[in-house]
């Protein structure tokens, strides 16, 4: 019986250490994975792919002045449709088929946290 309990305890510890399958990524995790390459890990538009040769500089998501000009729908449209949907850089891909609607809304909320603003 002791051996059985020990086996269960070890198995539980191993399973707890493994990544949870099907666990939804947080908005910050999605931002770091999908957006930080251009917009930077802190959202300032200074990611490693933000180079001067780009036709449009990546938006600074921490700028309350710039982000306050956008409605929540503007942000959702940019995330789902990419840069082309907003007449900005076609280099920003659309994420409407990559992220769920809930993830897009959470990402919009995360952008509002970065800028500490509410928008139009």
PDB file of N, CA and C in Angstrom:
ATOM      1  N   UNK A   1       0.820  -1.186   0.000  1.00  0.00           N
ATOM      2  CA  UNK A   1       0.000   0.000   0.000  1.00  0.00           C
ATOM      3  C   UNK A   1       0.874   1.264   0.000  1.00  0.00           C
ATOM      4  N   UNK A   2       1.963   1.247   0.783  1.00  0.00           N
ATOM      5  CA  UNK A   2       2.867   2.388   0.835  1.00  0.00           C
ATOM      6  C   UNK A   2       3.472   2.677  -0.536  1.00  0.00           C
ATOM      7  N   UNK A   3       3.826   1.608  -1.208  1.00  0.00           N
ATOM      8  CA  UNK A   3       4.420   1.744  -2.525  1.00  0.00           C
ATOM      9  C   UNK A   3       3.413   2.373  -3.493  1.00  0.00           C
ATOM     10  N   UNK A   4       2.158   1.994  -3.416  1.00  0.00           N
ATOM     11  CA  UNK A   4       1.108   2.524  -4.273  1.00  0.00           C
ATOM     12  C   UNK A   4       0.916   4.027  -4.020  1.00  0.00           C
ATOM     13  N   UNK A   5       0.907   4.434  -2.768  1.00  0.00           N
ATOM     14  CA  UNK A   5       0.751   5.844  -2.413  1.00  0.00           C
ATOM     15  C   UNK A   5       1.951   6.650  -2.928  1.00  0.00           C
ATOM     16  N   UNK A   6       3.137   6.078  -2.780  1.00  0.00           N
ATOM     17  CA  UNK A   6       4.336   6.756  -3.255  1.00  0.00           C
ATOM     18  C   UNK A   6       4.299   6.915  -4.773  1.00  0.00           C
ATOM     19  N   UNK A   7       3.856   5.876  -5.468  1.00  0.00           N
ATOM     20  CA  UNK A   7       3.735   5.930  -6.925  1.00  0.00           C
ATOM     21  C   UNK A   7       2.767   7.034  -7.341  1.00  0.00           C
ATOM     22  N   UNK A   8       1.631   7.130  -6.704  1.00  0.00           N
ATOM     23  CA  UNK A   8       0.633   8.155  -7.010  1.00  0.00           C
ATOM     24  C   UNK A   8       1.206   9.548  -6.753  1.00  0.00           C
ATOM     25  N   UNK A   9       1.936   9.717  -5.658  1.00  0.00           N
ATOM     26  CA  UNK A   9       2.523  11.012  -5.309  1.00  0.00           C
ATOM     27  C   UNK A   9       3.538  11.444  -6.363  1.00  0.00           C
ATOM     28  N   UNK A  10       4.389  10.532  -6.797  1.00  0.00           N
ATOM     29  CA  UNK A  10       5.389  10.846  -7.819  1.00  0.00           C
ATOM     30  C   UNK A  10       4.703  11.173  -9.143  1.00  0.00           C
ATOM     31  N   UNK A  11       3.707  10.389  -9.519  1.00  0.00           N
ATOM     32  CA  UNK A  11       2.974  10.633 -10.754  1.00  0.00           C
ATOM     33  C   UNK A  11       2.285  12.006 -10.718  1.00  0.00           C
ATOM     34  N   UNK A  12       1.679  12.342  -9.603  1.00  0.00           N
ATOM     35  CA  UNK A  12       1.017  13.640  -9.461  1.00  0.00           C
ATOM     36  C   UNK A  12       2.026  14.783  -9.588  1.00  0.00           C
ATOM     37  N   UNK A  13       3.208  14.627  -9.012  1.00  0.00           N
ATOM     38  CA  UNK A  13       4.236  15.667  -9.088  1.00  0.00           C
ATOM     39  C   UNK A  13       4.715  15.850 -10.522  1.00  0.00           C
ATOM     40  N   UNK A  14       4.908  14.761 -11.241  1.00  0.00           N
ATOM     41  CA  UNK A  14       5.349  14.829 -12.634  1.00  0.00           C
ATOM     42  C   UNK A  14       4.274  15.495 -13.491  1.00  0.00           C
ATOM     43  N   UNK A  15       3.031  15.111 -13.306  1.00  0.00           N
ATOM     44  CA  UNK A  15       1.942  15.698 -14.086  1.00  0.00           C
ATOM     45  C   UNK A  15       1.770  17.180 -13.784  1.00  0.00           C
ATOM     46  N   UNK A  16       1.968  17.568 -12.558  1.00  0.00           N
ATOM     47  CA  UNK A  16       1.836  18.980 -12.186  1.00  0.00           C
ATOM     48  C   UNK A  16       2.931  19.828 -12.829  1.00  0.00           C
ATOM     49  N   UNK A  17       4.082  19.237 -13.088  1.00  0.00           N
ATOM     50  CA  UNK A  17       5.202  19.972 -13.676  1.00  0.00           C
ATOM     51  C   UNK A  17       5.058  20.136 -15.190  1.00  0.00           C
ATOM     52  N   UNK A  18       4.234  19.327 -15.822  1.00  0.00           N
ATOM     53  CA  UNK A  18       4.042  19.410 -17.271  1.00  0.00           C
ATOM     54  C   UNK A  18       3.132  20.575 -17.623  1.00  0.00           C
ATOM     55  N   UNK A  19       3.331  21.180 -18.812  1.00  0.00           N
ATOM     56  CA  UNK A  19       2.428  22.261 -19.222  1.00  0.00           C
ATOM     57  C   UNK A  19       1.014  21.724 -19.398  1.00  0.00           C
ATOM     58  N   UNK A  20       0.058  22.520 -19.037  1.00  0.00           N
ATOM     59  CA  UNK A  20      -1.343  22.111 -19.140  1.00  0.00           C
ATOM     60  C   UNK A  20      -1.783  22.171 -20.601  1.00  0.00           C
ATOM     61  N   UNK A  21      -2.203  21.046 -21.143  1.00  0.00           N
ATOM     62  CA  UNK A  21      -2.713  21.003 -22.505  1.00  0.00           C
ATOM     63  C   UNK A  21      -4.039  21.743 -22.544  1.00  0.00           C
ATOM     64  N   UNK A  22      -4.221  22.532 -23.557  1.00  0.00           N
ATOM     65  CA  UNK A  22      -5.480  23.224 -23.719  1.00  0.00           C
ATOM     66  C   UNK A  22      -5.611  24.462 -22.839  1.00  0.00           C
ATOM     67  N   UNK A  23      -4.574  24.790 -22.102  1.00  0.00           N
ATOM     68  CA  UNK A  23      -4.631  25.981 -21.255  1.00  0.00           C
ATOM     69  C   UNK A  23      -4.575  27.195 -22.158  1.00  0.00           C
ATOM     70  N   UNK A  24      -5.517  28.062 -21.992  1.00  0.00           N
ATOM     71  CA  UNK A  24      -5.534  29.281 -22.801  1.00  0.00           C
ATOM     72  C   UNK A  24      -4.401  30.196 -22.367  1.00  0.00           C
ATOM     73  N   UNK A  25      -3.747  30.779 -23.338  1.00  0.00           N
ATOM     74  CA  UNK A  25      -2.681  31.728 -23.043  1.00  0.00           C
ATOM     75  C   UNK A  25      -3.299  33.011 -22.504  1.00  0.00           C
ATOM     76  N   UNK A  26      -2.583  33.667 -21.635  1.00  0.00           N
ATOM     77  CA  UNK A  26      -3.047  34.957 -21.140  1.00  0.00           C
ATOM     78  C   UNK A  26      -2.844  36.003 -22.230  1.00  0.00           C
ATOM     79  N   UNK A  27      -3.467  37.146 -22.050  1.00  0.00           N
ATOM     80  CA  UNK A  27      -3.303  38.230 -23.017  1.00  0.00           C
ATOM     81  C   UNK A  27      -1.839  38.651 -23.096  1.00  0.00           C
ATOM     82  N   UNK A  28      -1.169  38.708 -21.950  1.00  0.00           N
ATOM     83  CA  UNK A  28       0.249  39.088 -21.961  1.00  0.00           C
ATOM     84  C   UNK A  28       1.084  38.048 -22.708  1.00  0.00           C
ATOM     85  N   UNK A  29       0.796  36.772 -22.511  1.00  0.00           N
ATOM     86  CA  UNK A  29       1.526  35.719 -23.234  1.00  0.00           C
ATOM     87  C   UNK A  29       1.280  35.831 -24.736  1.00  0.00           C
ATOM     88  N   UNK A  30       0.031  36.077 -25.132  1.00  0.00           N
ATOM     89  CA  UNK A  30      -0.266  36.257 -26.558  1.00  0.00           C
ATOM     90  C   UNK A  30       0.455  37.481 -27.104  1.00  0.00           C
ATOM     91  N   UNK A  31       0.490  38.558 -26.333  1.00  0.00           N
ATOM     92  CA  UNK A  31       1.187  39.769 -26.773  1.00  0.00           C
ATOM     93  C   UNK A  31       2.672  39.475 -26.980  1.00  0.00           C
ATOM     94  N   UNK A  32       3.278  38.812 -26.011  1.00  0.00           N
ATOM     95  CA  UNK A  32       4.710  38.503 -26.117  1.00  0.00           C
ATOM     96  C   UNK A  32       4.989  37.587 -27.302  1.00  0.00           C
ATOM     97  N   UNK A  33       4.088  36.666 -27.598  1.00  0.00           N
ATOM     98  CA  UNK A  33       4.297  35.710 -28.688  1.00  0.00           C
ATOM     99  C   UNK A  33       4.018  36.329 -30.053  1.00  0.00           C
ATOM    100  N   UNK A  34       2.901  37.047 -30.178  1.00  0.00           N
ATOM    101  CA  UNK A  34       2.480  37.538 -31.487  1.00  0.00           C
ATOM    102  C   UNK A  34       2.888  38.978 -31.789  1.00  0.00           C
ATOM    103  N   UNK A  35       3.042  39.816 -30.789  1.00  0.00           N
ATOM    104  CA  UNK A  35       3.174  41.254 -31.025  1.00  0.00           C
ATOM    105  C   UNK A  35       4.558  41.828 -30.710  1.00  0.00           C
ATOM    106  N   UNK A  36       5.249  41.226 -29.756  1.00  0.00           N
ATOM    107  CA  UNK A  36       6.487  41.820 -29.244  1.00  0.00           C
ATOM    108  C   UNK A  36       7.608  41.895 -30.275  1.00  0.00           C
ATOM    109  N   UNK A  37       7.570  41.079 -31.300  1.00  0.00           N
ATOM    110  CA  UNK A  37       8.636  41.132 -32.310  1.00  0.00           C
ATOM    111  C   UNK A  37       8.724  42.511 -32.952  1.00  0.00           C
ATOM    112  N   UNK A  38       7.583  43.154 -33.121  1.00  0.00           N
ATOM    113  CA  UNK A  38       7.578  44.503 -33.702  1.00  0.00           C
ATOM    114  C   UNK A  38       7.299  45.581 -32.656  1.00  0.00           C
ATOM    115  N   UNK A  39       6.337  45.322 -31.794  1.00  0.00           N
ATOM    116  CA  UNK A  39       5.909  46.344 -30.838  1.00  0.00           C
ATOM    117  C   UNK A  39       6.757  46.362 -29.570  1.00  0.00           C
ATOM    118  N   UNK A  40       7.622  45.378 -29.387  1.00  0.00           N
ATOM    119  CA  UNK A  40       8.500  45.327 -28.215  1.00  0.00           C
ATOM    120  C   UNK A  40       7.844  44.662 -27.024  1.00  0.00           C
ATOM    121  N   UNK A  41       8.646  44.115 -26.149  1.00  0.00           N
ATOM    122  CA  UNK A  41       8.109  43.409 -24.985  1.00  0.00           C
ATOM    123  C   UNK A  41       7.358  44.342 -24.052  1.00  0.00           C
ATOM    124  N   UNK A  42       7.729  45.610 -24.037  1.00  0.00           N
ATOM    125  CA  UNK A  42       7.034  46.588 -23.208  1.00  0.00           C
ATOM    126  C   UNK A  42       5.984  47.373 -23.972  1.00  0.00           C
ATOM    127  N   UNK A  43       5.851  47.113 -25.278  1.00  0.00           N
ATOM    128  CA  UNK A  43       4.824  47.752 -26.083  1.00  0.00           C
ATOM    129  C   UNK A  43       5.197  49.106 -26.658  1.00  0.00           C
ATOM    130  N   UNK A  44       6.464  49.468 -26.647  1.00  0.00           N
ATOM    131  CA  UNK A  44       6.887  50.810 -27.063  1.00  0.00           C
ATOM    132  C   UNK A  44       7.179  50.950 -28.563  1.00  0.00           C
ATOM    133  N   UNK A  45       6.916  49.892 -29.335  1.00  0.00           N
ATOM    134  CA  UNK A  45       7.190  49.953 -30.773  1.00  0.00           C
ATOM    135  C   UNK A  45       8.651  49.749 -31.106  1.00  0.00           C
ATOM    136  N   UNK A  46       9.377  49.133 -30.174  1.00  0.00           N
ATOM    137  CA  UNK A  46      10.830  48.988 -30.325  1.00  0.00           C
ATOM    138  C   UNK A  46      11.294  47.536 -30.337  1.00  0.00           C
ATOM    139  N   UNK A  47      10.467  46.659 -30.904  1.00  0.00           N
ATOM    140  CA  UNK A  47      10.845  45.252 -30.978  1.00  0.00           C
ATOM    141  C   UNK A  47      11.982  45.018 -31.945  1.00  0.00           C
ATOM    142  N   UNK A  48      12.553  43.822 -31.943  1.00  0.00           N
ATOM    143  CA  UNK A  48      13.703  43.534 -32.808  1.00  0.00           C
ATOM    144  C   UNK A  48      13.386  43.657 -34.309  1.00  0.00           C
ATOM    145  N   UNK A  49      12.127  43.520 -34.696  1.00  0.00           N
ATOM    146  CA  UNK A  49      11.768  43.663 -36.106  1.00  0.00           C
ATOM    147  C   UNK A  49      11.391  45.096 -36.474  1.00  0.00           C
ATOM    148  N   UNK A  50      11.427  45.997 -35.520  1.00  0.00           N
ATOM    149  CA  UNK A  50      11.102  47.414 -35.779  1.00  0.00           C
ATOM    150  C   UNK A  50      12.351  48.106 -36.290  1.00  0.00           C
ATOM    151  N   UNK A  51      12.509  48.073 -37.593  1.00  0.00           N
ATOM    152  CA  UNK A  51      13.692  48.673 -38.218  1.00  0.00           C
ATOM    153  C   UNK A  51      13.272  49.873 -39.046  1.00  0.00           C
ATOM    154  N   UNK A  52      14.201  50.762 -39.295  1.00  0.00           N
ATOM    155  CA  UNK A  52      13.908  52.002 -40.017  1.00  0.00           C
ATOM    156  C   UNK A  52      13.419  51.762 -41.438  1.00  0.00           C
ATOM    157  N   UNK A  53      13.752  50.612 -42.015  1.00  0.00           N
ATOM    158  CA  UNK A  53      13.349  50.355 -43.397  1.00  0.00           C
ATOM    159  C   UNK A  53      11.876  49.942 -43.518  1.00  0.00           C
ATOM    160  N   UNK A  54      11.197  49.749 -42.394  1.00  0.00           N
ATOM    161  CA  UNK A  54       9.772  49.420 -42.470  1.00  0.00           C
ATOM    162  C   UNK A  54       9.004  50.634 -42.989  1.00  0.00           C
ATOM    163  N   UNK A  55       7.972  50.403 -43.801  1.00  0.00           N
ATOM    164  CA  UNK A  55       7.214  51.535 -44.341  1.00  0.00           C
ATOM    165  C   UNK A  55       6.462  52.327 -43.265  1.00  0.00           C
ATOM    166  N   UNK A  56       6.077  51.673 -42.177  1.00  0.00           N
ATOM    167  CA  UNK A  56       5.377  52.311 -41.065  1.00  0.00           C
ATOM    168  C   UNK A  56       5.999  51.796 -39.773  1.00  0.00           C
ATOM    169  N   UNK A  57       6.278  52.690 -38.857  1.00  0.00           N
ATOM    170  CA  UNK A  57       6.821  52.268 -37.556  1.00  0.00           C
ATOM    171  C   UNK A  57       5.732  51.580 -36.746  1.00  0.00           C
ATOM    172  N   UNK A  58       6.079  50.528 -36.017  1.00  0.00           N
ATOM    173  CA  UNK A  58       5.085  49.878 -35.159  1.00  0.00           C
ATOM    174  C   UNK A  58       4.556  50.861 -34.113  1.00  0.00           C
ATOM    175  N   UNK A  59       3.270  50.775 -33.854  1.00  0.00           N
ATOM    176  CA  UNK A  59       2.630  51.676 -32.893  1.00  0.00           C
ATOM    177  C   UNK A  59       3.202  51.467 -31.496  1.00  0.00           C
ATOM    178  N   UNK A  60       3.362  52.557 -30.782  1.00  0.00           N
ATOM    179  CA  UNK A  60       3.771  52.544 -29.386  1.00  0.00           C
ATOM    180  C   UNK A  60       2.503  52.351 -28.556  1.00  0.00           C
ATOM    181  N   UNK A  61       2.305  51.146 -28.051  1.00  0.00           N
ATOM    182  CA  UNK A  61       1.097  50.837 -27.293  1.00  0.00           C
ATOM    183  C   UNK A  61       1.092  51.455 -25.901  1.00  0.00           C
ATOM    184  N   UNK A  62       2.198  52.059 -25.492  1.00  0.00           N
ATOM    185  CA  UNK A  62       2.233  52.712 -24.183  1.00  0.00           C
ATOM    186  C   UNK A  62       1.864  54.187 -24.278  1.00  0.00           C
ATOM    187  N   UNK A  63       1.719  54.702 -25.492  1.00  0.00           N
ATOM    188  CA  UNK A  63       1.412  56.117 -25.698  1.00  0.00           C
ATOM    189  C   UNK A  63      -0.087  56.370 -25.525  1.00  0.00           C
ATOM    190  N   UNK A  64      -0.442  56.988 -24.408  1.00  0.00           N
ATOM    191  CA  UNK A  64      -1.849  57.313 -24.163  1.00  0.00           C
ATOM    192  C   UNK A  64      -2.370  58.283 -25.222  1.00  0.00           C
ATOM    193  N   UNK A  65      -1.518  59.186 -25.693  1.00  0.00           N
ATOM    194  CA  UNK A  65      -1.936  60.162 -26.711  1.00  0.00           C
ATOM    195  C   UNK A  65      -2.366  59.427 -27.983  1.00  0.00           C
ATOM    196  N   UNK A  66      -1.551  58.508 -28.454  1.00  0.00           N
ATOM    197  CA  UNK A  66      -1.868  57.784 -29.685  1.00  0.00           C
ATOM    198  C   UNK A  66      -3.004  56.784 -29.485  1.00  0.00           C
ATOM    199  N   UNK A  67      -2.963  56.059 -28.381  1.00  0.00           N
ATOM    200  CA  UNK A  67      -3.964  55.006 -28.147  1.00  0.00           C
ATOM    201  C   UNK A  67      -5.338  55.570 -27.793  1.00  0.00           C
ATOM    202  N   UNK A  68      -5.391  56.768 -27.223  1.00  0.00           N
ATOM    203  CA  UNK A  68      -6.678  57.391 -26.907  1.00  0.00           C
ATOM    204  C   UNK A  68      -7.442  57.794 -28.160  1.00  0.00           C
ATOM    205  N   UNK A  69      -6.758  57.890 -29.284  1.00  0.00           N
ATOM    206  CA  UNK A  69      -7.417  58.227 -30.550  1.00  0.00           C
ATOM    207  C   UNK A  69      -8.197  57.044 -31.109  1.00  0.00           C
ATOM    208  N   UNK A  70      -7.930  55.849 -30.576  1.00  0.00           N
ATOM    209  CA  UNK A  70      -8.540  54.623 -31.091  1.00  0.00           C
ATOM    210  C   UNK A  70      -9.705  54.168 -30.219  1.00  0.00           C
ATOM    211  N   UNK A  71     -10.767  53.731 -30.871  1.00  0.00           N
ATOM    212  CA  UNK A  71     -11.858  53.096 -30.144  1.00  0.00           C
ATOM    213  C   UNK A  71     -11.469  51.645 -29.888  1.00  0.00           C
ATOM    214  N   UNK A  72     -12.210  50.987 -29.018  1.00  0.00           N
ATOM    215  CA  UNK A  72     -11.972  49.565 -28.794  1.00  0.00           C
ATOM    216  C   UNK A  72     -12.168  48.782 -30.094  1.00  0.00           C
ATOM    217  N   UNK A  73     -13.158  49.182 -30.881  1.00  0.00           N
ATOM    218  CA  UNK A  73     -13.395  48.510 -32.163  1.00  0.00           C
ATOM    219  C   UNK A  73     -12.239  48.716 -33.132  1.00  0.00           C
ATOM    220  N   UNK A  74     -11.621  49.884 -33.106  1.00  0.00           N
ATOM    221  CA  UNK A  74     -10.439  50.133 -33.943  1.00  0.00           C
ATOM    222  C   UNK A  74      -9.330  49.135 -33.596  1.00  0.00           C
ATOM    223  N   UNK A  75      -9.114  48.934 -32.303  1.00  0.00           N
ATOM    224  CA  UNK A  75      -8.055  48.024 -31.850  1.00  0.00           C
ATOM    225  C   UNK A  75      -8.399  46.591 -32.237  1.00  0.00           C
ATOM    226  N   UNK A  76      -9.634  46.197 -32.008  1.00  0.00           N
ATOM    227  CA  UNK A  76     -10.063  44.835 -32.363  1.00  0.00           C
ATOM    228  C   UNK A  76      -9.915  44.615 -33.861  1.00  0.00           C
ATOM    229  N   UNK A  77     -10.299  45.597 -34.667  1.00  0.00           N
ATOM    230  CA  UNK A  77     -10.175  45.501 -36.117  1.00  0.00           C
ATOM    231  C   UNK A  77      -8.713  45.342 -36.533  1.00  0.00           C
ATOM    232  N   UNK A  78      -7.820  46.085 -35.883  1.00  0.00           N
ATOM    233  CA  UNK A  78      -6.392  45.980 -36.208  1.00  0.00           C
ATOM    234  C   UNK A  78      -5.842  44.606 -35.850  1.00  0.00           C
ATOM    235  N   UNK A  79      -6.256  44.073 -34.713  1.00  0.00           N
ATOM    236  CA  UNK A  79      -5.777  42.752 -34.299  1.00  0.00           C
ATOM    237  C   UNK A  79      -6.316  41.681 -35.254  1.00  0.00           C
ATOM    238  N   UNK A  80      -7.613  41.725 -35.508  1.00  0.00           N
ATOM    239  CA  UNK A  80      -8.222  40.685 -36.339  1.00  0.00           C
ATOM    240  C   UNK A  80      -7.832  40.798 -37.809  1.00  0.00           C
ATOM    241  N   UNK A  81      -7.769  42.019 -38.329  1.00  0.00           N
ATOM    242  CA  UNK A  81      -7.528  42.192 -39.756  1.00  0.00           C
ATOM    243  C   UNK A  81      -6.109  42.536 -40.144  1.00  0.00           C
ATOM    244  N   UNK A  82      -5.267  42.839 -39.164  1.00  0.00           N
ATOM    245  CA  UNK A  82      -3.882  43.186 -39.458  1.00  0.00           C
ATOM    246  C   UNK A  82      -3.739  44.618 -39.940  1.00  0.00           C
ATOM    247  N   UNK A  83      -2.531  44.965 -40.291  1.00  0.00           N
ATOM    248  CA  UNK A  83      -2.232  46.328 -40.706  1.00  0.00           C
ATOM    249  C   UNK A  83      -2.979  46.767 -41.952  1.00  0.00           C
ATOM    250  N   UNK A  84      -3.201  45.866 -42.879  1.00  0.00           N
ATOM    251  CA  UNK A  84      -3.904  46.218 -44.113  1.00  0.00           C
ATOM    252  C   UNK A  84      -5.345  46.650 -43.829  1.00  0.00           C
ATOM    253  N   UNK A  85      -5.965  46.073 -42.817  1.00  0.00           N
ATOM    254  CA  UNK A  85      -7.351  46.406 -42.474  1.00  0.00           C
ATOM    255  C   UNK A  85      -7.474  47.817 -41.922  1.00  0.00           C
ATOM    256  N   UNK A  86      -6.367  48.383 -41.476  1.00  0.00           N
ATOM    257  CA  UNK A  86      -6.392  49.721 -40.886  1.00  0.00           C
ATOM    258  C   UNK A  86      -5.631  50.733 -41.746  1.00  0.00           C
ATOM    259  N   UNK A  87      -5.316  50.329 -42.969  1.00  0.00           N
ATOM    260  CA  UNK A  87      -4.542  51.174 -43.898  1.00  0.00           C
ATOM    261  C   UNK A  87      -3.186  51.548 -43.315  1.00  0.00           C
ATOM    262  N   UNK A  88      -2.628  50.653 -42.538  1.00  0.00           N
ATOM    263  CA  UNK A  88      -1.283  50.837 -41.986  1.00  0.00           C
ATOM    264  C   UNK A  88      -0.371  49.806 -42.627  1.00  0.00           C
ATOM    265  N   UNK A  89       0.638  49.378 -41.933  1.00  0.00           N
ATOM    266  CA  UNK A  89       1.626  48.464 -42.496  1.00  0.00           C
ATOM    267  C   UNK A  89       1.031  47.096 -42.826  1.00  0.00           C
ATOM    268  N   UNK A  90       1.242  46.678 -44.068  1.00  0.00           N
ATOM    269  CA  UNK A  90       0.792  45.343 -44.476  1.00  0.00           C
ATOM    270  C   UNK A  90       1.683  44.265 -43.858  1.00  0.00           C
ATOM    271  N   UNK A  91       2.745  44.673 -43.191  1.00  0.00           N
ATOM    272  CA  UNK A  91       3.623  43.706 -42.535  1.00  0.00           C
ATOM    273  C   UNK A  91       2.989  43.129 -41.274  1.00  0.00           C
ATOM    274  N   UNK A  92       2.002  43.841 -40.690  1.00  0.00           N
ATOM    275  CA  UNK A  92       1.321  43.295 -39.523  1.00  0.00           C
ATOM    276  C   UNK A  92       0.284  42.298 -40.012  1.00  0.00           C
ATOM    277  N   UNK A  93       0.461  41.029 -39.629  1.00  0.00           N
ATOM    278  CA  UNK A  93      -0.475  40.005 -40.107  1.00  0.00           C
ATOM    279  C   UNK A  93      -1.817  40.074 -39.372  1.00  0.00           C
ATOM    280  N   UNK A  94      -2.861  39.549 -40.000  1.00  0.00           N
ATOM    281  CA  UNK A  94      -4.151  39.454 -39.314  1.00  0.00           C
ATOM    282  C   UNK A  94      -4.135  38.268 -38.342  1.00  0.00           C
ATOM    283  N   UNK A  95      -4.737  38.453 -37.188  1.00  0.00           N
ATOM    284  CA  UNK A  95      -4.785  37.391 -36.188  1.00  0.00           C
ATOM    285  C   UNK A  95      -6.204  36.908 -35.922  1.00  0.00           C
ATOM    286  N   UNK A  96      -7.151  37.318 -36.772  1.00  0.00           N
ATOM    287  CA  UNK A  96      -8.547  36.947 -36.585  1.00  0.00           C
ATOM    288  C   UNK A  96      -8.813  35.457 -36.681  1.00  0.00           C
ATOM    289  N   UNK A  97      -7.968  34.747 -37.406  1.00  0.00           N
ATOM    290  CA  UNK A  97      -8.143  33.295 -37.515  1.00  0.00           C
ATOM    291  C   UNK A  97      -7.159  32.538 -36.631  1.00  0.00           C
ATOM    292  N   UNK A  98      -6.273  33.271 -35.985  1.00  0.00           N
ATOM    293  CA  UNK A  98      -5.282  32.669 -35.092  1.00  0.00           C
ATOM    294  C   UNK A  98      -5.757  32.716 -33.655  1.00  0.00           C
ATOM    295  N   UNK A  99      -6.340  33.840 -33.274  1.00  0.00           N
ATOM    296  CA  UNK A  99      -6.816  34.037 -31.909  1.00  0.00           C
ATOM    297  C   UNK A  99      -8.338  33.927 -31.874  1.00  0.00           C
ATOM    298  N   UNK A 100      -8.863  33.469 -30.761  1.00  0.00           N
ATOM    299  CA  UNK A 100     -10.311  33.424 -30.600  1.00  0.00           C
ATOM    300  C   UNK A 100     -10.820  34.842 -30.371  1.00  0.00           C
ATOM    301  N   UNK A 101     -12.115  35.038 -30.510  1.00  0.00           N
ATOM    302  CA  UNK A 101     -12.711  36.357 -30.259  1.00  0.00           C
ATOM    303  C   UNK A 101     -12.413  36.795 -28.825  1.00  0.00           C
ATOM    304  N   UNK A 102     -12.509  35.865 -27.878  1.00  0.00           N
ATOM    305  CA  UNK A 102     -12.223  36.189 -26.476  1.00  0.00           C
ATOM    306  C   UNK A 102     -10.769  36.614 -26.302  1.00  0.00           C
ATOM    307  N   UNK A 103      -9.845  35.936 -26.982  1.00  0.00           N
ATOM    308  CA  UNK A 103      -8.432  36.301 -26.880  1.00  0.00           C
ATOM    309  C   UNK A 103      -8.175  37.677 -27.486  1.00  0.00           C
ATOM    310  N   UNK A 104      -8.872  38.000 -28.571  1.00  0.00           N
ATOM    311  CA  UNK A 104      -8.724  39.315 -29.196  1.00  0.00           C
ATOM    312  C   UNK A 104      -9.200  40.400 -28.232  1.00  0.00           C
ATOM    313  N   UNK A 105     -10.342  40.182 -27.596  1.00  0.00           N
ATOM    314  CA  UNK A 105     -10.872  41.159 -26.641  1.00  0.00           C
ATOM    315  C   UNK A 105      -9.923  41.304 -25.451  1.00  0.00           C
ATOM    316  N   UNK A 106      -9.388  40.192 -24.960  1.00  0.00           N
ATOM    317  CA  UNK A 106      -8.430  40.250 -23.852  1.00  0.00           C
ATOM    318  C   UNK A 106      -7.155  40.979 -24.261  1.00  0.00           C
ATOM    319  N   UNK A 107      -6.731  40.791 -25.502  1.00  0.00           N
ATOM    320  CA  UNK A 107      -5.545  41.486 -26.004  1.00  0.00           C
ATOM    321  C   UNK A 107      -5.821  42.990 -26.110  1.00  0.00           C
ATOM    322  N   UNK A 108      -7.012  43.345 -26.558  1.00  0.00           N
ATOM    323  CA  UNK A 108      -7.416  44.763 -26.593  1.00  0.00           C
ATOM    324  C   UNK A 108      -7.364  45.348 -25.183  1.00  0.00           C
ATOM    325  N   UNK A 109      -7.883  44.617 -24.213  1.00  0.00           N
ATOM    326  CA  UNK A 109      -7.850  45.076 -22.816  1.00  0.00           C
ATOM    327  C   UNK A 109      -6.410  45.218 -22.323  1.00  0.00           C
ATOM    328  N   UNK A 110      -5.544  44.305 -22.737  1.00  0.00           N
ATOM    329  CA  UNK A 110      -4.127  44.375 -22.361  1.00  0.00           C
ATOM    330  C   UNK A 110      -3.480  45.628 -22.946  1.00  0.00           C
ATOM    331  N   UNK A 111      -3.823  45.960 -24.190  1.00  0.00           N
ATOM    332  CA  UNK A 111      -3.285  47.178 -24.806  1.00  0.00           C
ATOM    333  C   UNK A 111      -3.752  48.415 -24.040  1.00  0.00           C
ATOM    334  N   UNK A 112      -4.974  48.390 -23.564  1.00  0.00           N
ATOM    335  CA  UNK A 112      -5.483  49.509 -22.764  1.00  0.00           C
ATOM    336  C   UNK A 112      -4.715  49.617 -21.442  1.00  0.00           C
ATOM    337  N   UNK A 113      -4.294  48.497 -20.905  1.00  0.00           N
ATOM    338  CA  UNK A 113      -3.455  48.533 -19.688  1.00  0.00           C
ATOM    339  C   UNK A 113      -2.094  49.139 -19.988  1.00  0.00           C
ATOM    340  N   UNK A 114      -1.528  48.777 -21.138  1.00  0.00           N
ATOM    341  CA  UNK A 114      -0.212  49.301 -21.499  1.00  0.00           C
ATOM    342  C   UNK A 114      -0.240  50.823 -21.644  1.00  0.00           C
ATOM    343  N   UNK A 115      -1.288  51.353 -22.229  1.00  0.00           N
ATOM    344  CA  UNK A 115      -1.358  52.800 -22.448  1.00  0.00           C
ATOM    345  C   UNK A 115      -1.982  53.537 -21.265  1.00  0.00           C
ATOM    346  N   UNK A 116      -2.549  52.789 -20.347  1.00  0.00           N
ATOM    347  CA  UNK A 116      -3.258  53.389 -19.195  1.00  0.00           C
ATOM    348  C   UNK A 116      -4.281  54.407 -19.688  1.00  0.00           C
ATOM    349  N   UNK A 117      -5.065  53.974 -20.707  1.00  0.00           N
ATOM    350  CA  UNK A 117      -6.045  54.856 -21.291  1.00  0.00           C
ATOM    351  C   UNK A 117      -7.295  54.063 -21.678  1.00  0.00           C
ATOM    352  N   UNK A 118      -8.383  54.784 -21.940  1.00  0.00           N
ATOM    353  CA  UNK A 118      -9.647  54.151 -22.268  1.00  0.00           C
ATOM    354  C   UNK A 118     -10.023  54.292 -23.742  1.00  0.00           C
ATOM    355  N   UNK A 119      -9.455  55.247 -24.436  1.00  0.00           N
ATOM    356  CA  UNK A 119      -9.772  55.469 -25.832  1.00  0.00           C
ATOM    357  C   UNK A 119     -11.062  56.238 -26.024  1.00  0.00           C
ATOM    358  N   UNK A 120     -11.447  56.407 -27.278  1.00  0.00           N
ATOM    359  CA  UNK A 120     -12.672  57.153 -27.619  1.00  0.00           C
ATOM    360  C   UNK A 120     -13.896  56.438 -27.097  1.00  0.00           C
TER     361      UNK A 120
END
